[in-house]
Amino acid sequence: MTQQSNATTPEQALAQTNRRQQKVGRVVSNKTDKTIIVAVESLKKHRIYKRTYKQTKRFYAHDENNTCQMGDLVRIEESRPLSKLKRWKLVEILKLGSGIVPVEQVVASVDPNLNSNTSAE
């Protein structure tokens, strides 16, 4: 009788344990607590006209430490359902965004009444 070896290489072990899908996208919103919205762009080809077009999908992902900012390039991974819409979690931040904050947010954080006064005039 011969014994069969069940030894696997580290590469095979990694491939077997990590079957979760990963996507790379840009953070478009981080307004909610511990949640980011990631827009993932993909190129698709029309099945009849053969024209290539861009499709954008938005995924809600869990950001445990609230580290992401708008514009960051991130990698997300599938996970168990965390809430009604969250099925993904943040793996890593690939590239930090420019850090540019829209003027409306800056004005609202400095003086919330300033916007209401200018629109009333």
C-alpha atoms as a PDB file:
ATOM      1  CA  MET A   1       0.000   0.000   0.000  1.00  0.00           C
ATOM      2  CA  THR A   2       1.265   3.382  -0.960  1.00  0.00           C
ATOM      3  CA  GLN A   3       0.623   6.499   1.045  1.00  0.00           C
ATOM      4  CA  GLN A   4      -0.589   9.497  -0.861  1.00  0.00           C
ATOM      5  CA  SER A   5       0.872  12.841   0.063  1.00  0.00           C
ATOM      6  CA  ASN A   6      -1.615  15.636   0.711  1.00  0.00           C
ATOM      7  CA  ALA A   7       1.098  18.290   0.841  1.00  0.00           C
ATOM      8  CA  THR A   8       0.282  21.443  -1.110  1.00  0.00           C
ATOM      9  CA  THR A   9       2.506  24.302  -2.079  1.00  0.00           C
ATOM     10  CA  PRO A  10       1.899  27.718  -0.461  1.00  0.00           C
ATOM     11  CA  GLU A  11       0.602  29.097  -3.765  1.00  0.00           C
ATOM     12  CA  GLN A  12      -2.036  26.365  -4.007  1.00  0.00           C
ATOM     13  CA  ALA A  13      -3.053  26.864  -0.389  1.00  0.00           C
ATOM     14  CA  LEU A  14      -3.516  30.599  -0.966  1.00  0.00           C
ATOM     15  CA  ALA A  15      -5.595  29.982  -4.088  1.00  0.00           C
ATOM     16  CA  GLN A  16      -7.813  27.508  -2.237  1.00  0.00           C
ATOM     17  CA  THR A  17      -8.458  29.702   0.798  1.00  0.00           C
ATOM     18  CA  ASN A  18      -8.990  33.006  -1.040  1.00  0.00           C
ATOM     19  CA  ARG A  19     -11.935  32.439  -3.351  1.00  0.00           C
ATOM     20  CA  ARG A  20     -13.435  35.831  -2.720  1.00  0.00           C
ATOM     21  CA  GLN A  21     -13.763  38.288  -5.552  1.00  0.00           C
ATOM     22  CA  GLN A  22     -11.747  41.508  -5.393  1.00  0.00           C
ATOM     23  CA  LYS A  23     -12.349  44.773  -7.218  1.00  0.00           C
ATOM     24  CA  VAL A  24     -10.405  48.023  -7.584  1.00  0.00           C
ATOM     25  CA  GLY A  25     -12.265  51.322  -7.659  1.00  0.00           C
ATOM     26  CA  ARG A  26     -12.419  54.937  -6.570  1.00  0.00           C
ATOM     27  CA  VAL A  27     -14.117  56.176  -3.384  1.00  0.00           C
ATOM     28  CA  VAL A  28     -16.993  58.487  -4.301  1.00  0.00           C
ATOM     29  CA  SER A  29     -18.491  58.944  -0.816  1.00  0.00           C
ATOM     30  CA  ASN A  30     -17.419  58.470   2.786  1.00  0.00           C
ATOM     31  CA  LYS A  31     -20.218  60.363   4.532  1.00  0.00           C
ATOM     32  CA  THR A  32     -21.606  57.433   6.515  1.00  0.00           C
ATOM     33  CA  ASP A  33     -19.888  55.936   9.553  1.00  0.00           C
ATOM     34  CA  LYS A  34     -17.602  52.980   8.709  1.00  0.00           C
ATOM     35  CA  THR A  35     -19.011  52.804   5.167  1.00  0.00           C
ATOM     36  CA  ILE A  36     -17.599  53.953   1.843  1.00  0.00           C
ATOM     37  CA  ILE A  37     -19.116  53.896  -1.605  1.00  0.00           C
ATOM     38  CA  VAL A  38     -16.698  52.665  -4.268  1.00  0.00           C
ATOM     39  CA  ALA A  39     -17.301  53.233  -7.989  1.00  0.00           C
ATOM     40  CA  VAL A  40     -15.819  50.465 -10.138  1.00  0.00           C
ATOM     41  CA  GLU A  41     -15.490  51.134 -13.869  1.00  0.00           C
ATOM     42  CA  SER A  42     -15.322  48.352 -16.431  1.00  0.00           C
ATOM     43  CA  LEU A  43     -15.214  48.232 -20.216  1.00  0.00           C
ATOM     44  CA  LYS A  44     -17.871  46.104 -21.873  1.00  0.00           C
ATOM     45  CA  LYS A  45     -18.542  45.235 -25.475  1.00  0.00           C
ATOM     46  CA  HIS A  46     -22.042  45.469 -26.911  1.00  0.00           C
ATOM     47  CA  ARG A  47     -23.157  42.027 -28.006  1.00  0.00           C
ATOM     48  CA  ILE A  48     -24.741  43.151 -31.295  1.00  0.00           C
ATOM     49  CA  TYR A  49     -22.956  46.349 -32.294  1.00  0.00           C
ATOM     50  CA  LYS A  50     -19.517  45.349 -30.927  1.00  0.00           C
ATOM     51  CA  ARG A  51     -18.946  48.839 -29.602  1.00  0.00           C
ATOM     52  CA  THR A  52     -16.988  49.192 -26.373  1.00  0.00           C
ATOM     53  CA  TYR A  53     -18.637  51.218 -23.631  1.00  0.00           C
ATOM     54  CA  LYS A  54     -17.843  52.095 -20.022  1.00  0.00           C
ATOM     55  CA  GLN A  55     -20.011  50.777 -17.225  1.00  0.00           C
ATOM     56  CA  THR A  56     -19.807  52.123 -13.673  1.00  0.00           C
ATOM     57  CA  LYS A  57     -21.144  50.190 -10.677  1.00  0.00           C
ATOM     58  CA  ARG A  58     -21.244  51.403  -7.089  1.00  0.00           C
ATOM     59  CA  PHE A  59     -20.465  49.099  -4.180  1.00  0.00           C
ATOM     60  CA  TYR A  60     -21.001  49.776  -0.476  1.00  0.00           C
ATOM     61  CA  ALA A  61     -17.934  48.636   1.458  1.00  0.00           C
ATOM     62  CA  HIS A  62     -17.061  48.399   5.155  1.00  0.00           C
ATOM     63  CA  ASP A  63     -14.231  50.703   6.287  1.00  0.00           C
ATOM     64  CA  GLU A  64     -13.591  49.755   9.920  1.00  0.00           C
ATOM     65  CA  ASN A  65     -11.326  52.686  10.861  1.00  0.00           C
ATOM     66  CA  ASN A  66     -12.839  55.402   8.610  1.00  0.00           C
ATOM     67  CA  THR A  67      -9.451  55.798   6.879  1.00  0.00           C
ATOM     68  CA  CYS A  68     -10.637  56.397   3.313  1.00  0.00           C
ATOM     69  CA  GLN A  69     -11.186  59.827   1.802  1.00  0.00           C
ATOM     70  CA  MET A  70     -13.002  60.802  -1.365  1.00  0.00           C
ATOM     71  CA  GLY A  71     -10.907  60.151  -4.462  1.00  0.00           C
ATOM     72  CA  ASP A  72      -8.788  57.327  -2.978  1.00  0.00           C
ATOM     73  CA  LEU A  73      -8.082  54.308  -5.148  1.00  0.00           C
ATOM     74  CA  VAL A  74      -8.950  51.215  -3.085  1.00  0.00           C
ATOM     75  CA  ARG A  75      -9.199  47.426  -3.306  1.00  0.00           C
ATOM     76  CA  ILE A  76     -12.349  45.831  -1.885  1.00  0.00           C
ATOM     77  CA  GLU A  77     -13.191  42.186  -1.273  1.00  0.00           C
ATOM     78  CA  GLU A  78     -16.412  40.214  -0.983  1.00  0.00           C
ATOM     79  CA  SER A  79     -17.594  39.415   2.522  1.00  0.00           C
ATOM     80  CA  ARG A  80     -20.659  38.167   4.324  1.00  0.00           C
ATOM     81  CA  PRO A  81     -23.646  40.546   4.374  1.00  0.00           C
ATOM     82  CA  LEU A  82     -22.867  43.287   6.896  1.00  0.00           C
ATOM     83  CA  SER A  83     -26.051  45.343   6.402  1.00  0.00           C
ATOM     84  CA  LYS A  84     -28.836  45.785   3.880  1.00  0.00           C
ATOM     85  CA  LEU A  85     -26.472  47.036   1.151  1.00  0.00           C
ATOM     86  CA  LYS A  86     -22.936  46.262   2.412  1.00  0.00           C
ATOM     87  CA  ARG A  87     -21.454  43.061   0.969  1.00  0.00           C
ATOM     88  CA  TRP A  88     -17.839  44.207   0.581  1.00  0.00           C
ATOM     89  CA  LYS A  89     -14.984  45.179   2.889  1.00  0.00           C
ATOM     90  CA  LEU A  90     -11.936  47.378   2.406  1.00  0.00           C
ATOM     91  CA  VAL A  91      -8.701  45.440   1.861  1.00  0.00           C
ATOM     92  CA  GLU A  92      -6.200  48.224   1.182  1.00  0.00           C
ATOM     93  CA  ILE A  93      -5.807  51.776  -0.043  1.00  0.00           C
ATOM     94  CA  LEU A  94      -3.776  51.644  -3.253  1.00  0.00           C
ATOM     95  CA  LYS A  95      -3.383  55.367  -3.877  1.00  0.00           C
ATOM     96  CA  LEU A  96      -4.429  58.372  -1.845  1.00  0.00           C
ATOM     97  CA  GLY A  97      -6.666  60.906  -3.534  1.00  0.00           C
ATOM     98  CA  SER A  98      -5.820  64.539  -4.112  1.00  0.00           C
ATOM     99  CA  GLY A  99      -7.464  65.582  -0.874  1.00  0.00           C
ATOM    100  CA  ILE A 100      -9.443  68.325  -2.606  1.00  0.00           C
ATOM    101  CA  VAL A 101     -12.648  69.038  -0.724  1.00  0.00           C
ATOM    102  CA  PRO A 102     -15.589  70.706  -2.499  1.00  0.00           C
ATOM    103  CA  VAL A 103     -16.132  74.368  -1.578  1.00  0.00           C
ATOM    104  CA  GLU A 104     -19.671  73.689  -0.294  1.00  0.00           C
ATOM    105  CA  GLN A 105     -18.335  71.283   2.336  1.00  0.00           C
ATOM    106  CA  VAL A 106     -15.710  73.757   3.546  1.00  0.00           C
ATOM    107  CA  VAL A 107     -18.233  76.583   3.794  1.00  0.00           C
ATOM    108  CA  ALA A 108     -20.779  74.361   5.568  1.00  0.00           C
ATOM    109  CA  SER A 109     -18.188  73.223   8.130  1.00  0.00           C
ATOM    110  CA  VAL A 110     -17.070  76.806   8.855  1.00  0.00           C
ATOM    111  CA  ASP A 111     -20.486  78.460   9.066  1.00  0.00           C
ATOM    112  CA  PRO A 112     -23.680  76.515   8.290  1.00  0.00           C
ATOM    113  CA  ASN A 113     -25.751  79.722   8.219  1.00  0.00           C
ATOM    114  CA  LEU A 114     -23.566  81.308   5.547  1.00  0.00           C
ATOM    115  CA  ASN A 115     -25.080  79.237   2.734  1.00  0.00           C
ATOM    116  CA  SER A 116     -28.671  79.961   3.785  1.00  0.00           C
ATOM    117  CA  ASN A 117     -28.001  83.739   3.909  1.00  0.00           C
ATOM    118  CA  THR A 118     -26.501  83.912   0.411  1.00  0.00           C
ATOM    119  CA  SER A 119     -29.338  81.867  -1.134  1.00  0.00           C
ATOM    120  CA  ALA A 120     -31.994  84.064   0.541  1.00  0.00           C
ATOM    121  CA  GLU A 121     -30.648  87.262  -1.041  1.00  0.00           C
END
